[in-house]
Protein backbone atom coordinates (compact mmCIF):
# COMPACT_ATOMS: atom_id res chain seq x y z
CA MET A 1 -19.27 19.10 -43.66
CA LEU A 2 -17.39 16.91 -46.30
CA VAL A 3 -17.26 18.13 -49.77
CA ALA A 4 -15.76 16.00 -52.77
CA LEU A 5 -13.88 17.36 -55.20
CA THR A 6 -13.81 16.17 -58.45
CA GLY A 7 -12.84 17.24 -61.76
CA GLY A 8 -11.35 15.43 -65.08
CA ILE A 9 -7.34 15.25 -66.10
CA ALA A 10 -5.59 18.87 -66.42
CA SER A 11 -8.71 20.55 -65.57
CA GLY A 12 -7.13 22.54 -62.52
CA LYS A 13 -8.12 20.34 -59.99
CA SER A 14 -4.80 19.94 -57.95
CA THR A 15 -4.59 23.72 -58.16
CA VAL A 16 -8.19 24.04 -56.47
CA ALA A 17 -7.27 21.50 -54.09
CA ARG A 18 -4.21 23.35 -53.12
CA ARG A 19 -5.69 26.41 -52.14
CA LEU A 20 -8.66 25.06 -50.44
CA ALA A 21 -5.87 23.63 -48.19
CA GLU A 22 -4.63 26.85 -47.69
CA LEU A 23 -7.61 28.43 -46.55
CA GLY A 24 -8.15 25.81 -43.92
CA ALA A 25 -9.93 22.98 -45.09
CA VAL A 26 -8.27 19.31 -44.48
CA VAL A 27 -7.40 17.87 -47.63
CA VAL A 28 -7.98 13.78 -48.02
CA ASP A 29 -5.85 13.44 -51.32
CA ALA A 30 -7.46 9.49 -53.06
CA ASP A 31 -4.42 9.62 -55.74
CA ARG A 32 -2.13 9.51 -52.76
CA ILE A 33 -3.88 6.76 -50.64
CA ALA A 34 -4.03 4.60 -53.64
CA ARG A 35 -0.45 4.63 -53.72
CA GLU A 36 -0.58 3.72 -50.04
CA VAL A 37 -3.30 1.03 -50.16
CA VAL A 38 -0.49 -0.63 -52.68
CA GLU A 39 2.62 -0.18 -50.76
CA PRO A 40 5.05 -2.87 -50.00
CA GLY A 41 3.60 -5.61 -47.71
CA THR A 42 -0.24 -4.51 -48.12
CA PRO A 43 -3.00 -6.64 -48.55
CA ALA A 44 -3.76 -5.32 -51.83
CA LEU A 45 -1.05 -5.43 -53.38
CA ALA A 46 -0.99 -9.27 -52.24
CA ARG A 47 -4.12 -9.90 -54.16
CA ILE A 48 -2.97 -7.75 -57.24
CA ALA A 49 0.42 -9.81 -57.11
CA GLU A 50 -2.46 -13.86 -56.76
CA ARG A 51 -4.56 -12.16 -59.74
CA PHE A 52 -2.13 -10.74 -62.14
CA GLY A 53 1.03 -12.95 -61.36
CA PRO A 54 4.60 -11.84 -59.42
CA ALA A 55 5.25 -9.60 -62.47
CA VAL A 56 3.93 -6.89 -61.94
CA VAL A 57 5.77 -6.73 -58.54
CA GLY A 58 9.45 -5.18 -58.82
CA THR A 59 12.25 -6.42 -57.17
CA ASP A 60 12.10 -4.00 -55.05
CA GLY A 61 8.95 -5.00 -54.12
CA GLY A 62 6.74 -2.27 -54.46
CA LEU A 63 4.47 -2.71 -57.47
CA ASP A 64 5.22 -1.96 -61.17
CA ARG A 65 2.77 0.58 -62.45
CA ALA A 66 4.65 -0.20 -65.75
CA ALA A 67 3.91 -3.66 -65.94
CA LEU A 68 0.53 -3.47 -64.38
CA GLY A 69 -0.41 -1.07 -66.79
CA ALA A 70 0.45 -3.01 -70.15
CA ILE A 71 -2.17 -6.47 -68.59
CA VAL A 72 -5.34 -3.73 -67.33
CA PHE A 73 -4.88 -1.25 -70.71
CA GLY A 74 -7.59 -2.15 -73.07
CA ASP A 75 -8.86 -5.10 -70.72
CA GLU A 76 -12.34 -4.24 -69.41
CA ALA A 77 -12.46 -7.42 -67.36
CA ALA A 78 -8.87 -7.21 -66.01
CA ARG A 79 -9.54 -3.20 -64.96
CA ARG A 80 -12.81 -3.96 -63.64
CA ASP A 81 -11.07 -6.95 -61.22
CA LEU A 82 -8.20 -4.42 -60.52
CA ASN A 83 -11.02 -1.93 -59.10
CA ALA A 84 -12.39 -4.70 -56.99
CA ILE A 85 -9.20 -5.18 -55.19
CA THR A 86 -7.91 -0.91 -54.69
CA HIS A 87 -11.53 0.96 -54.45
CA PRO A 88 -12.78 -0.79 -51.46
CA ALA A 89 -8.78 -0.20 -50.39
CA VAL A 90 -8.95 2.92 -50.66
CA GLY A 91 -12.54 3.81 -49.65
CA GLU A 92 -11.75 2.01 -46.05
CA ARG A 93 -8.46 4.30 -45.74
CA SER A 94 -10.63 7.36 -46.73
CA ARG A 95 -13.56 7.15 -44.07
CA ALA A 96 -10.96 6.35 -41.73
CA LEU A 97 -9.31 10.02 -42.59
CA PHE A 98 -12.49 11.54 -42.27
CA ALA A 99 -13.31 10.75 -39.12
CA ALA A 100 -10.32 11.31 -37.69
CA ALA A 101 -10.40 14.80 -39.55
CA ARG A 102 -14.00 15.31 -37.73
CA ALA A 103 -12.86 13.58 -34.39
CA ALA A 104 -10.10 16.55 -34.26
CA ASP A 105 -12.63 19.13 -35.11
CA PRO A 106 -16.16 18.98 -35.92
CA ARG A 107 -16.46 21.63 -37.78
CA ALA A 108 -14.01 21.07 -40.41
CA VAL A 109 -14.47 21.04 -44.08
CA VAL A 110 -13.05 17.96 -44.94
CA VAL A 111 -12.21 17.85 -48.52
CA TYR A 112 -11.82 14.72 -51.10
CA ASP A 113 -9.58 15.54 -53.51
CA VAL A 114 -11.14 12.47 -55.59
CA PRO A 115 -10.77 12.56 -60.04
CA LEU A 116 -13.30 9.18 -60.21
CA LEU A 117 -16.49 10.17 -58.38
CA VAL A 118 -18.78 9.30 -61.55
CA ASP A 119 -18.38 6.79 -64.28
CA GLU A 120 -19.12 7.54 -68.10
CA ARG A 121 -22.65 6.58 -67.05
CA GLY A 122 -23.21 9.05 -64.40
CA GLU A 123 -22.70 6.19 -61.50
CA GLY A 124 -20.55 6.80 -58.17
CA ARG A 125 -20.46 8.35 -54.97
CA ALA A 126 -21.36 11.40 -55.16
CA ASP A 127 -24.60 10.40 -52.41
CA GLU A 128 -21.79 10.07 -49.93
CA PHE A 129 -21.05 13.73 -49.47
CA ASP A 130 -22.39 16.96 -48.20
CA ARG A 131 -21.18 18.72 -51.14
CA VAL A 132 -19.79 18.46 -54.50
CA ILE A 133 -17.34 20.62 -56.07
CA VAL A 134 -15.92 20.42 -60.03
CA VAL A 135 -13.66 21.64 -61.34
CA ALA A 136 -14.50 22.46 -65.04
CA ALA A 137 -12.02 23.51 -68.04
CA ASP A 138 -13.10 22.70 -71.57
CA GLU A 139 -11.66 19.91 -73.76
CA GLU A 140 -9.17 22.13 -75.89
CA THR A 141 -8.08 23.84 -73.04
CA ARG A 142 -7.10 20.62 -70.62
CA VAL A 143 -4.94 19.35 -74.33
CA ARG A 144 -3.16 22.13 -74.05
CA ARG A 145 -1.84 21.74 -70.53
CA LEU A 146 -0.89 18.15 -71.14
CA VAL A 147 0.58 18.94 -74.00
CA GLU A 148 2.35 22.19 -72.59
CA LEU A 149 2.85 21.18 -69.19
CA ARG A 150 2.99 17.51 -68.84
CA GLY A 151 5.21 16.72 -72.41
CA MET A 152 2.21 14.54 -74.11
CA ASP A 153 1.69 14.81 -77.73
CA GLU A 154 -1.61 15.84 -78.68
CA ALA A 155 -2.97 12.29 -79.82
CA GLU A 156 -1.96 10.93 -76.13
CA ALA A 157 -3.62 13.88 -74.46
CA ARG A 158 -7.18 13.01 -76.36
CA ARG A 159 -6.95 9.47 -75.80
CA ARG A 160 -6.30 10.28 -71.73
CA ILE A 161 -9.22 13.01 -71.70
CA ALA A 162 -11.59 10.60 -73.55
CA SER A 163 -10.69 7.87 -71.43
CA GLN A 164 -12.48 9.64 -68.12
CA ALA A 165 -16.36 10.29 -67.65
CA PRO A 166 -17.12 12.92 -69.65
CA GLU A 167 -18.04 16.87 -67.88
CA SER A 168 -21.51 16.46 -68.85
CA ALA A 169 -21.69 13.42 -66.37
CA ARG A 170 -19.28 15.51 -63.72
CA LEU A 171 -21.40 18.59 -64.30
CA ALA A 172 -24.79 16.91 -63.70
CA ILE A 173 -23.59 16.03 -59.80
CA ALA A 174 -22.22 19.60 -59.39
CA ASP A 175 -23.40 21.09 -56.34
CA ASP A 176 -20.92 24.04 -56.95
CA VAL A 177 -18.48 24.63 -60.04
CA VAL A 178 -14.95 25.66 -60.08
CA ASP A 179 -14.98 27.86 -64.29
CA ALA A 180 -10.62 26.74 -64.60
CA ASN A 181 -10.70 27.88 -68.06
CA GLY A 182 -9.33 31.39 -67.22
CA SER A 183 -6.26 32.74 -65.92
CA LEU A 184 -4.88 31.51 -62.43
CA GLY A 185 -6.48 34.35 -60.21
CA ASP A 186 -9.70 34.24 -61.76
CA THR A 187 -9.65 30.71 -60.34
CA LEU A 188 -8.44 31.46 -57.04
CA ALA A 189 -10.76 34.21 -56.48
CA GLN A 190 -13.83 31.52 -57.58
CA VAL A 191 -12.30 29.15 -54.61
CA ASP A 192 -11.54 32.24 -52.69
CA GLU A 193 -15.64 32.91 -52.92
CA LEU A 194 -16.44 29.10 -52.55
CA TRP A 195 -14.68 28.87 -49.56
CA ALA A 196 -16.67 31.54 -47.34
CA THR A 197 -19.60 30.25 -48.65
CA LEU A 198 -18.54 26.36 -47.13
CA ARG A 199 -18.02 27.55 -44.29
CA ARG A 200 -21.22 29.57 -43.92
CA VAL A 201 -22.98 26.59 -44.67
CA GLY A 202 -21.05 23.58 -42.50
CA GLY A 203 -21.57 26.61 -39.74
CA ALA A 204 -18.03 26.88 -39.24
CA ALA A 205 -17.35 30.66 -39.05
């Protein structure tokens, strides 16, 4: 079974992913892969430097994320060009990891931890997965977490949330929803119950 796990910034998605891993899921982290595919010497980093200039590569040969961010922030065409380089590389690496997990255990529940499964128009990759889990939390809860736990000011927290797909777009593709507005214990209890369902439906029990 291949499951997508998604949720907006500060929704609690990472907490859910960790719990699923503890319970036995094979978790593939899209953010980690996104960092790996632009490491020094990778084709994607070379293409980024070709498109955006050598200034986006630091003295250590790695991607200067701040420099790249300054270029693509607010420039939709530049952001699309960046995505056209990185997204295929992330997709290729992710599919390889999915295949490796299935080869190791055909009954494995493979969870793809991915923040950007759909965009603001509701377009994305949901149809590639057997099941989609959305971790949901209301905006005020997420703003509070960004301010209290990550040290952002409120305006920046709201800007970050607004820059992502709306909650309605994620919920529209959900097969399962984890309500992460409450306590940690409540969230984890929902995940435990959901895991039992995934095991049963996936035939991995």
